[in-house]
N, C-alpha and C. Protein backbone atom coordinates (compact mmCIF):
# COMPACT_ATOMS: atom_id res chain seq x y z
N MET A 1 52.44 -180.09 -25.87
CA MET A 1 51.15 -179.62 -25.44
C MET A 1 50.07 -180.35 -26.23
N GLY A 2 49.02 -180.77 -25.52
CA GLY A 2 47.94 -181.50 -26.16
C GLY A 2 47.05 -180.58 -26.97
N ALA A 3 46.23 -181.20 -27.82
CA ALA A 3 45.36 -180.42 -28.70
C ALA A 3 44.31 -179.64 -27.92
N ARG A 4 43.74 -180.26 -26.89
CA ARG A 4 42.71 -179.58 -26.12
C ARG A 4 43.29 -178.37 -25.38
N LYS A 5 44.48 -178.54 -24.83
CA LYS A 5 45.12 -177.44 -24.12
C LYS A 5 45.48 -176.31 -25.07
N ARG A 6 45.95 -176.66 -26.26
CA ARG A 6 46.29 -175.66 -27.26
C ARG A 6 45.06 -174.89 -27.71
N ASN A 7 43.95 -175.61 -27.92
CA ASN A 7 42.72 -174.94 -28.35
C ASN A 7 42.19 -173.98 -27.30
N THR A 8 42.21 -174.38 -26.05
CA THR A 8 41.73 -173.48 -25.00
C THR A 8 42.66 -172.28 -24.84
N ALA A 9 43.97 -172.48 -25.04
CA ALA A 9 44.92 -171.37 -24.97
C ALA A 9 44.66 -170.38 -26.10
N GLU A 10 44.36 -170.89 -27.30
CA GLU A 10 44.06 -170.01 -28.43
C GLU A 10 42.76 -169.24 -28.21
N LYS A 11 41.75 -169.90 -27.65
CA LYS A 11 40.49 -169.22 -27.36
C LYS A 11 40.70 -168.12 -26.33
N ARG A 12 41.50 -168.40 -25.31
CA ARG A 12 41.77 -167.41 -24.28
C ARG A 12 42.53 -166.22 -24.86
N LYS A 13 43.44 -166.50 -25.78
CA LYS A 13 44.21 -165.44 -26.42
C LYS A 13 43.33 -164.56 -27.30
N GLU A 14 42.39 -165.17 -28.03
CA GLU A 14 41.47 -164.41 -28.87
C GLU A 14 40.53 -163.56 -28.02
N ALA A 15 40.09 -164.11 -26.88
CA ALA A 15 39.20 -163.35 -26.00
C ALA A 15 39.91 -162.16 -25.38
N SER A 16 41.21 -162.30 -25.10
CA SER A 16 41.96 -161.20 -24.50
C SER A 16 42.18 -160.05 -25.48
N LYS A 17 42.11 -160.33 -26.77
CA LYS A 17 42.29 -159.26 -27.76
C LYS A 17 41.11 -158.28 -27.74
N SER A 18 39.93 -158.77 -27.39
CA SER A 18 38.76 -157.89 -27.36
C SER A 18 38.42 -157.45 -25.94
N ARG A 19 39.29 -157.74 -24.99
CA ARG A 19 39.06 -157.34 -23.60
C ARG A 19 40.00 -156.19 -23.26
N TYR A 20 39.43 -155.12 -22.72
CA TYR A 20 40.21 -153.93 -22.39
C TYR A 20 40.21 -153.78 -20.88
N GLN A 21 41.37 -153.98 -20.27
CA GLN A 21 41.43 -153.95 -18.82
C GLN A 21 42.71 -153.32 -18.33
N ALA A 22 42.70 -153.00 -17.05
CA ALA A 22 43.89 -152.52 -16.36
C ALA A 22 43.84 -153.12 -14.95
N ILE A 23 45.00 -153.45 -14.42
CA ILE A 23 45.09 -154.09 -13.11
C ILE A 23 46.02 -153.28 -12.22
N LEU A 24 45.57 -153.02 -11.02
CA LEU A 24 46.36 -152.34 -10.00
C LEU A 24 46.67 -153.36 -8.91
N ARG A 25 47.94 -153.60 -8.67
CA ARG A 25 48.32 -154.62 -7.69
C ARG A 25 48.99 -153.97 -6.48
N ASN A 26 48.78 -154.60 -5.33
CA ASN A 26 49.40 -154.20 -4.06
C ASN A 26 49.18 -152.72 -3.75
N CYS A 27 47.97 -152.28 -3.88
CA CYS A 27 47.62 -150.90 -3.52
C CYS A 27 47.49 -150.83 -2.00
N PRO A 28 48.19 -149.91 -1.33
CA PRO A 28 48.21 -149.91 0.14
C PRO A 28 46.97 -149.29 0.77
N THR A 29 45.82 -149.75 0.36
CA THR A 29 44.55 -149.34 0.94
C THR A 29 43.78 -150.60 1.28
N SER A 30 43.00 -150.58 2.33
CA SER A 30 42.27 -151.79 2.68
C SER A 30 41.21 -152.07 1.61
N PRO A 31 40.93 -153.33 1.34
CA PRO A 31 39.95 -153.67 0.31
C PRO A 31 38.56 -153.10 0.61
N ARG A 32 38.22 -153.00 1.87
CA ARG A 32 36.91 -152.49 2.25
C ARG A 32 36.75 -151.02 1.84
N LYS A 33 37.79 -150.22 2.06
CA LYS A 33 37.73 -148.81 1.68
C LYS A 33 37.72 -148.66 0.15
N MET A 34 38.46 -149.52 -0.54
CA MET A 34 38.51 -149.45 -1.99
C MET A 34 37.17 -149.83 -2.61
N ARG A 35 36.48 -150.81 -2.01
CA ARG A 35 35.19 -151.24 -2.55
C ARG A 35 34.14 -150.13 -2.45
N LEU A 36 34.26 -149.28 -1.44
CA LEU A 36 33.33 -148.15 -1.32
C LEU A 36 33.42 -147.23 -2.53
N VAL A 37 34.63 -147.05 -3.04
CA VAL A 37 34.83 -146.17 -4.20
C VAL A 37 34.49 -146.89 -5.50
N THR A 38 34.83 -148.17 -5.60
CA THR A 38 34.54 -148.89 -6.84
C THR A 38 33.04 -149.06 -7.06
N ASP A 39 32.27 -149.13 -5.99
CA ASP A 39 30.82 -149.24 -6.15
C ASP A 39 30.22 -147.97 -6.75
N LEU A 40 30.91 -146.85 -6.59
CA LEU A 40 30.41 -145.60 -7.16
C LEU A 40 30.48 -145.58 -8.68
N ILE A 41 31.47 -146.27 -9.26
CA ILE A 41 31.70 -146.14 -10.70
C ILE A 41 31.35 -147.39 -11.50
N SER A 42 31.01 -148.49 -10.87
CA SER A 42 30.74 -149.70 -11.65
C SER A 42 29.48 -149.52 -12.48
N GLY A 43 29.59 -149.84 -13.77
CA GLY A 43 28.47 -149.72 -14.69
C GLY A 43 28.27 -148.33 -15.27
N LYS A 44 29.07 -147.37 -14.89
CA LYS A 44 28.90 -145.99 -15.35
C LYS A 44 29.68 -145.76 -16.65
N ASP A 45 29.29 -144.71 -17.35
CA ASP A 45 30.01 -144.25 -18.52
C ASP A 45 31.40 -143.78 -18.10
N VAL A 46 32.39 -143.90 -18.97
CA VAL A 46 33.77 -143.60 -18.62
C VAL A 46 33.95 -142.14 -18.21
N ASN A 47 33.35 -141.22 -18.96
CA ASN A 47 33.51 -139.80 -18.63
C ASN A 47 32.84 -139.46 -17.31
N LYS A 48 31.69 -140.06 -17.06
CA LYS A 48 31.01 -139.81 -15.80
C LYS A 48 31.80 -140.40 -14.63
N ALA A 49 32.39 -141.59 -14.86
CA ALA A 49 33.20 -142.22 -13.82
C ALA A 49 34.43 -141.39 -13.50
N LEU A 50 35.06 -140.81 -14.52
CA LEU A 50 36.21 -139.94 -14.29
C LEU A 50 35.83 -138.71 -13.48
N ASP A 51 34.66 -138.14 -13.77
CA ASP A 51 34.19 -136.98 -13.01
C ASP A 51 33.93 -137.35 -11.55
N ILE A 52 33.30 -138.50 -11.34
CA ILE A 52 33.02 -138.94 -9.97
C ILE A 52 34.31 -139.12 -9.18
N LEU A 53 35.30 -139.75 -9.81
CA LEU A 53 36.56 -140.01 -9.12
C LEU A 53 37.34 -138.72 -8.88
N LYS A 54 37.26 -137.79 -9.82
CA LYS A 54 38.01 -136.55 -9.68
C LYS A 54 37.52 -135.72 -8.50
N TYR A 55 36.22 -135.70 -8.28
CA TYR A 55 35.66 -134.86 -7.23
C TYR A 55 35.33 -135.63 -5.95
N SER A 56 35.73 -136.86 -5.88
CA SER A 56 35.53 -137.63 -4.65
C SER A 56 36.64 -137.28 -3.66
N SER A 57 36.32 -137.26 -2.38
CA SER A 57 37.30 -136.84 -1.38
C SER A 57 38.13 -138.00 -0.84
N GLN A 58 37.78 -139.23 -1.18
CA GLN A 58 38.52 -140.37 -0.64
C GLN A 58 39.87 -140.53 -1.34
N GLU A 59 40.84 -141.04 -0.59
CA GLU A 59 42.18 -141.20 -1.13
C GLU A 59 42.23 -142.28 -2.21
N ALA A 60 41.40 -143.30 -2.07
CA ALA A 60 41.38 -144.39 -3.04
C ALA A 60 40.90 -143.93 -4.41
N SER A 61 40.16 -142.84 -4.47
CA SER A 61 39.65 -142.38 -5.75
C SER A 61 40.77 -141.88 -6.66
N ARG A 62 41.85 -141.35 -6.09
CA ARG A 62 42.98 -140.89 -6.92
C ARG A 62 43.64 -142.08 -7.63
N ARG A 63 43.80 -143.16 -6.90
CA ARG A 63 44.41 -144.35 -7.50
C ARG A 63 43.51 -144.97 -8.56
N LEU A 64 42.20 -144.98 -8.30
CA LEU A 64 41.27 -145.53 -9.28
C LEU A 64 41.17 -144.65 -10.53
N GLU A 65 41.33 -143.35 -10.35
CA GLU A 65 41.31 -142.46 -11.51
C GLU A 65 42.47 -142.77 -12.45
N LYS A 66 43.65 -142.97 -11.88
CA LYS A 66 44.81 -143.34 -12.70
C LYS A 66 44.61 -144.69 -13.36
N LEU A 67 43.98 -145.63 -12.64
CA LEU A 67 43.72 -146.96 -13.19
C LEU A 67 42.74 -146.88 -14.36
N LEU A 68 41.71 -146.06 -14.22
CA LEU A 68 40.73 -145.90 -15.29
C LEU A 68 41.37 -145.25 -16.52
N LEU A 69 42.24 -144.27 -16.30
CA LEU A 69 42.94 -143.66 -17.43
C LEU A 69 43.86 -144.67 -18.12
N SER A 70 44.45 -145.57 -17.35
CA SER A 70 45.28 -146.62 -17.93
C SER A 70 44.45 -147.58 -18.76
N ALA A 71 43.26 -147.93 -18.29
CA ALA A 71 42.39 -148.82 -19.05
C ALA A 71 41.93 -148.15 -20.35
N ILE A 72 41.68 -146.85 -20.31
CA ILE A 72 41.31 -146.13 -21.52
C ILE A 72 42.47 -146.12 -22.51
N ALA A 73 43.69 -145.95 -22.01
CA ALA A 73 44.87 -145.99 -22.87
C ALA A 73 45.05 -147.37 -23.49
N ASN A 74 44.76 -148.42 -22.73
CA ASN A 74 44.83 -149.78 -23.27
C ASN A 74 43.80 -149.97 -24.37
N TRP A 75 42.61 -149.40 -24.19
CA TRP A 75 41.58 -149.48 -25.22
C TRP A 75 42.04 -148.76 -26.48
N GLN A 76 42.65 -147.58 -26.32
CA GLN A 76 43.11 -146.81 -27.47
C GLN A 76 44.23 -147.52 -28.21
N ALA A 77 45.07 -148.25 -27.48
CA ALA A 77 46.16 -148.97 -28.13
C ALA A 77 45.63 -150.11 -29.03
N LYS A 78 44.52 -150.71 -28.63
CA LYS A 78 43.95 -151.80 -29.42
C LYS A 78 43.01 -151.31 -30.51
N ASN A 79 42.49 -150.09 -30.38
CA ASN A 79 41.56 -149.53 -31.36
C ASN A 79 42.10 -148.21 -31.88
N GLU A 80 43.08 -148.29 -32.75
CA GLU A 80 43.65 -147.07 -33.29
C GLU A 80 42.70 -146.48 -34.33
N GLY A 81 42.59 -145.15 -34.31
CA GLY A 81 41.73 -144.47 -35.27
C GLY A 81 40.30 -144.30 -34.83
N VAL A 82 39.91 -144.84 -33.69
CA VAL A 82 38.55 -144.70 -33.18
C VAL A 82 38.59 -143.75 -31.99
N ARG A 83 37.68 -142.79 -31.98
CA ARG A 83 37.64 -141.83 -30.88
C ARG A 83 36.90 -142.41 -29.68
N VAL A 84 37.34 -142.03 -28.49
CA VAL A 84 36.75 -142.54 -27.26
C VAL A 84 35.31 -142.05 -27.12
N GLU A 85 35.03 -140.81 -27.55
CA GLU A 85 33.70 -140.24 -27.41
C GLU A 85 32.67 -140.99 -28.25
N GLU A 86 33.09 -141.48 -29.43
CA GLU A 86 32.16 -142.18 -30.33
C GLU A 86 31.89 -143.61 -29.90
N SER A 87 32.76 -144.19 -29.10
CA SER A 87 32.65 -145.61 -28.80
C SER A 87 31.75 -145.92 -27.61
N ASN A 88 31.36 -144.92 -26.83
CA ASN A 88 30.49 -145.12 -25.65
C ASN A 88 31.06 -146.16 -24.70
N LEU A 89 32.27 -145.94 -24.23
CA LEU A 89 32.89 -146.84 -23.28
C LEU A 89 32.23 -146.73 -21.92
N TYR A 90 32.13 -147.86 -21.22
CA TYR A 90 31.62 -147.87 -19.86
C TYR A 90 32.41 -148.88 -19.04
N VAL A 91 32.31 -148.76 -17.74
CA VAL A 91 33.01 -149.67 -16.83
C VAL A 91 32.16 -150.94 -16.73
N LYS A 92 32.61 -151.98 -17.39
CA LYS A 92 31.84 -153.22 -17.43
C LYS A 92 31.94 -153.99 -16.13
N ASN A 93 33.15 -154.12 -15.64
CA ASN A 93 33.37 -154.93 -14.44
C ASN A 93 34.53 -154.33 -13.67
N ILE A 94 34.38 -154.26 -12.37
CA ILE A 94 35.47 -153.80 -11.52
C ILE A 94 35.37 -154.59 -10.23
N HIS A 95 36.46 -155.26 -9.87
CA HIS A 95 36.42 -156.00 -8.62
C HIS A 95 37.72 -155.85 -7.85
N VAL A 96 37.59 -155.95 -6.54
CA VAL A 96 38.69 -155.73 -5.61
C VAL A 96 38.96 -157.03 -4.87
N ASP A 97 40.19 -157.47 -4.90
CA ASP A 97 40.62 -158.66 -4.16
C ASP A 97 41.62 -158.23 -3.10
N GLY A 98 41.68 -159.00 -2.04
CA GLY A 98 42.66 -158.72 -1.00
C GLY A 98 44.07 -159.01 -1.48
N GLY A 99 44.99 -158.17 -1.11
CA GLY A 99 46.39 -158.36 -1.50
C GLY A 99 47.20 -158.86 -0.32
N ARG A 100 48.48 -158.61 -0.36
CA ARG A 100 49.34 -159.07 0.72
C ARG A 100 49.12 -158.22 1.95
N MET A 101 49.34 -158.81 3.10
CA MET A 101 49.10 -158.15 4.36
C MET A 101 50.42 -158.05 5.13
N MET A 102 50.78 -156.82 5.53
CA MET A 102 51.96 -156.65 6.36
C MET A 102 51.53 -156.77 7.82
N LYS A 103 52.26 -157.56 8.56
CA LYS A 103 51.90 -157.77 9.96
C LYS A 103 52.91 -157.06 10.84
N ARG A 104 52.41 -156.17 11.68
CA ARG A 104 53.25 -155.38 12.58
C ARG A 104 52.75 -155.57 14.01
N LEU A 105 53.59 -155.19 14.96
CA LEU A 105 53.21 -155.26 16.37
C LEU A 105 53.08 -153.86 16.94
N GLN A 106 52.06 -153.68 17.77
CA GLN A 106 51.86 -152.42 18.47
C GLN A 106 51.88 -152.71 19.96
N THR A 107 52.61 -151.89 20.67
CA THR A 107 52.71 -152.13 22.11
C THR A 107 51.35 -151.94 22.77
N ALA A 108 51.10 -152.76 23.78
CA ALA A 108 49.84 -152.74 24.49
C ALA A 108 50.14 -152.71 25.99
N PRO A 109 49.16 -152.42 26.82
CA PRO A 109 49.42 -152.34 28.26
C PRO A 109 49.82 -153.68 28.87
N GLN A 110 50.54 -153.59 29.98
CA GLN A 110 50.97 -154.73 30.78
C GLN A 110 51.86 -155.70 30.00
N GLY A 111 52.73 -155.15 29.18
CA GLY A 111 53.71 -155.98 28.49
C GLY A 111 53.17 -156.79 27.33
N ARG A 112 51.98 -156.53 26.91
CA ARG A 112 51.39 -157.28 25.80
C ARG A 112 51.70 -156.56 24.48
N ALA A 113 51.33 -157.24 23.40
CA ALA A 113 51.49 -156.64 22.07
C ALA A 113 50.27 -156.99 21.23
N TYR A 114 49.78 -156.01 20.52
CA TYR A 114 48.66 -156.24 19.61
C TYR A 114 49.22 -156.36 18.20
N ARG A 115 48.58 -157.20 17.42
CA ARG A 115 49.01 -157.38 16.03
C ARG A 115 48.24 -156.43 15.13
N LEU A 116 48.95 -155.64 14.35
CA LEU A 116 48.34 -154.77 13.36
C LEU A 116 48.46 -155.45 12.00
N ARG A 117 47.38 -155.45 11.26
CA ARG A 117 47.40 -156.01 9.90
C ARG A 117 47.21 -154.88 8.91
N LYS A 118 48.27 -154.51 8.23
CA LYS A 118 48.19 -153.45 7.23
C LYS A 118 47.83 -154.11 5.90
N ARG A 119 46.61 -153.87 5.49
CA ARG A 119 46.07 -154.58 4.33
C ARG A 119 46.37 -153.85 3.03
N SER A 120 46.39 -154.61 1.95
CA SER A 120 46.51 -154.04 0.61
C SER A 120 45.52 -154.76 -0.29
N ASN A 121 45.39 -154.32 -1.52
CA ASN A 121 44.41 -154.93 -2.41
C ASN A 121 44.88 -154.94 -3.85
N HIS A 122 44.16 -155.73 -4.65
CA HIS A 122 44.35 -155.78 -6.10
C HIS A 122 43.02 -155.36 -6.73
N VAL A 123 43.09 -154.44 -7.70
CA VAL A 123 41.88 -153.97 -8.37
C VAL A 123 41.99 -154.32 -9.85
N THR A 124 40.94 -154.93 -10.41
CA THR A 124 40.87 -155.23 -11.83
C THR A 124 39.70 -154.46 -12.42
N LEU A 125 39.98 -153.66 -13.45
CA LEU A 125 38.96 -152.82 -14.08
C LEU A 125 38.85 -153.23 -15.54
N VAL A 126 37.63 -153.56 -15.98
CA VAL A 126 37.39 -153.98 -17.36
C VAL A 126 36.44 -153.00 -18.02
N LEU A 127 36.82 -152.52 -19.19
CA LEU A 127 35.99 -151.61 -19.98
C LEU A 127 35.32 -152.37 -21.11
N ASP A 128 34.19 -151.85 -21.56
CA ASP A 128 33.52 -152.42 -22.72
C ASP A 128 32.85 -151.28 -23.49
N SER A 129 32.54 -151.52 -24.73
CA SER A 129 31.92 -150.51 -25.57
C SER A 129 30.46 -150.86 -25.80
N LYS A 130 29.60 -149.86 -25.75
CA LYS A 130 28.18 -150.09 -26.05
C LYS A 130 27.94 -150.18 -27.54
N ASN A 131 28.87 -149.66 -28.33
CA ASN A 131 28.78 -149.71 -29.79
C ASN A 131 29.70 -150.79 -30.32
N LYS A 132 29.20 -151.99 -30.47
CA LYS A 132 30.02 -153.08 -31.00
C LYS A 132 30.25 -152.93 -32.50
N GLU A 133 29.31 -152.31 -33.22
CA GLU A 133 29.47 -152.18 -34.67
C GLU A 133 30.57 -151.21 -35.04
N VAL A 134 30.91 -150.27 -34.17
CA VAL A 134 32.00 -149.33 -34.45
C VAL A 134 33.33 -150.09 -34.46
N GLU A 135 33.49 -150.99 -33.51
CA GLU A 135 34.74 -151.76 -33.44
C GLU A 135 34.84 -152.76 -34.59
N GLU A 136 33.72 -153.34 -35.01
CA GLU A 136 33.75 -154.33 -36.08
C GLU A 136 34.13 -153.69 -37.42
N THR A 137 33.74 -152.44 -37.65
CA THR A 137 34.06 -151.80 -38.92
C THR A 137 35.52 -151.42 -39.01
N THR A 138 36.19 -151.23 -37.86
CA THR A 138 37.61 -150.85 -37.90
C THR A 138 38.52 -152.04 -38.13
N LYS A 139 38.03 -153.24 -37.93
CA LYS A 139 38.89 -154.44 -38.09
C LYS A 139 38.98 -154.91 -39.50
């Protein structure tokens, strides 16, 4: 491996140590429906986002609630001894990408067939802390 490639790999590794994220792959919901729910919580405080997802009636909100709890657990694993309430965590970035698509056939009139596309998505949720000095003192 060349020096430039090694340096960029080390920088990427250092950046991932301070990044708290969770990824949900191949969720069997269309990306359009998932984006409606993710727009509700992007930029919000973690506790407020959990409340929004808990009382939302959409099915995608249950999956996002579990994903947000997983991201909080990832944050706690990297910051032992720091309480979540003191750190002022918020949803920094959340984006939805299209996943794999299952293609099925549905019978149609006069011997035809319509193609059904059952869509799925990938969701990436990134948390960040508003109190950077709290994290710096623990290191």
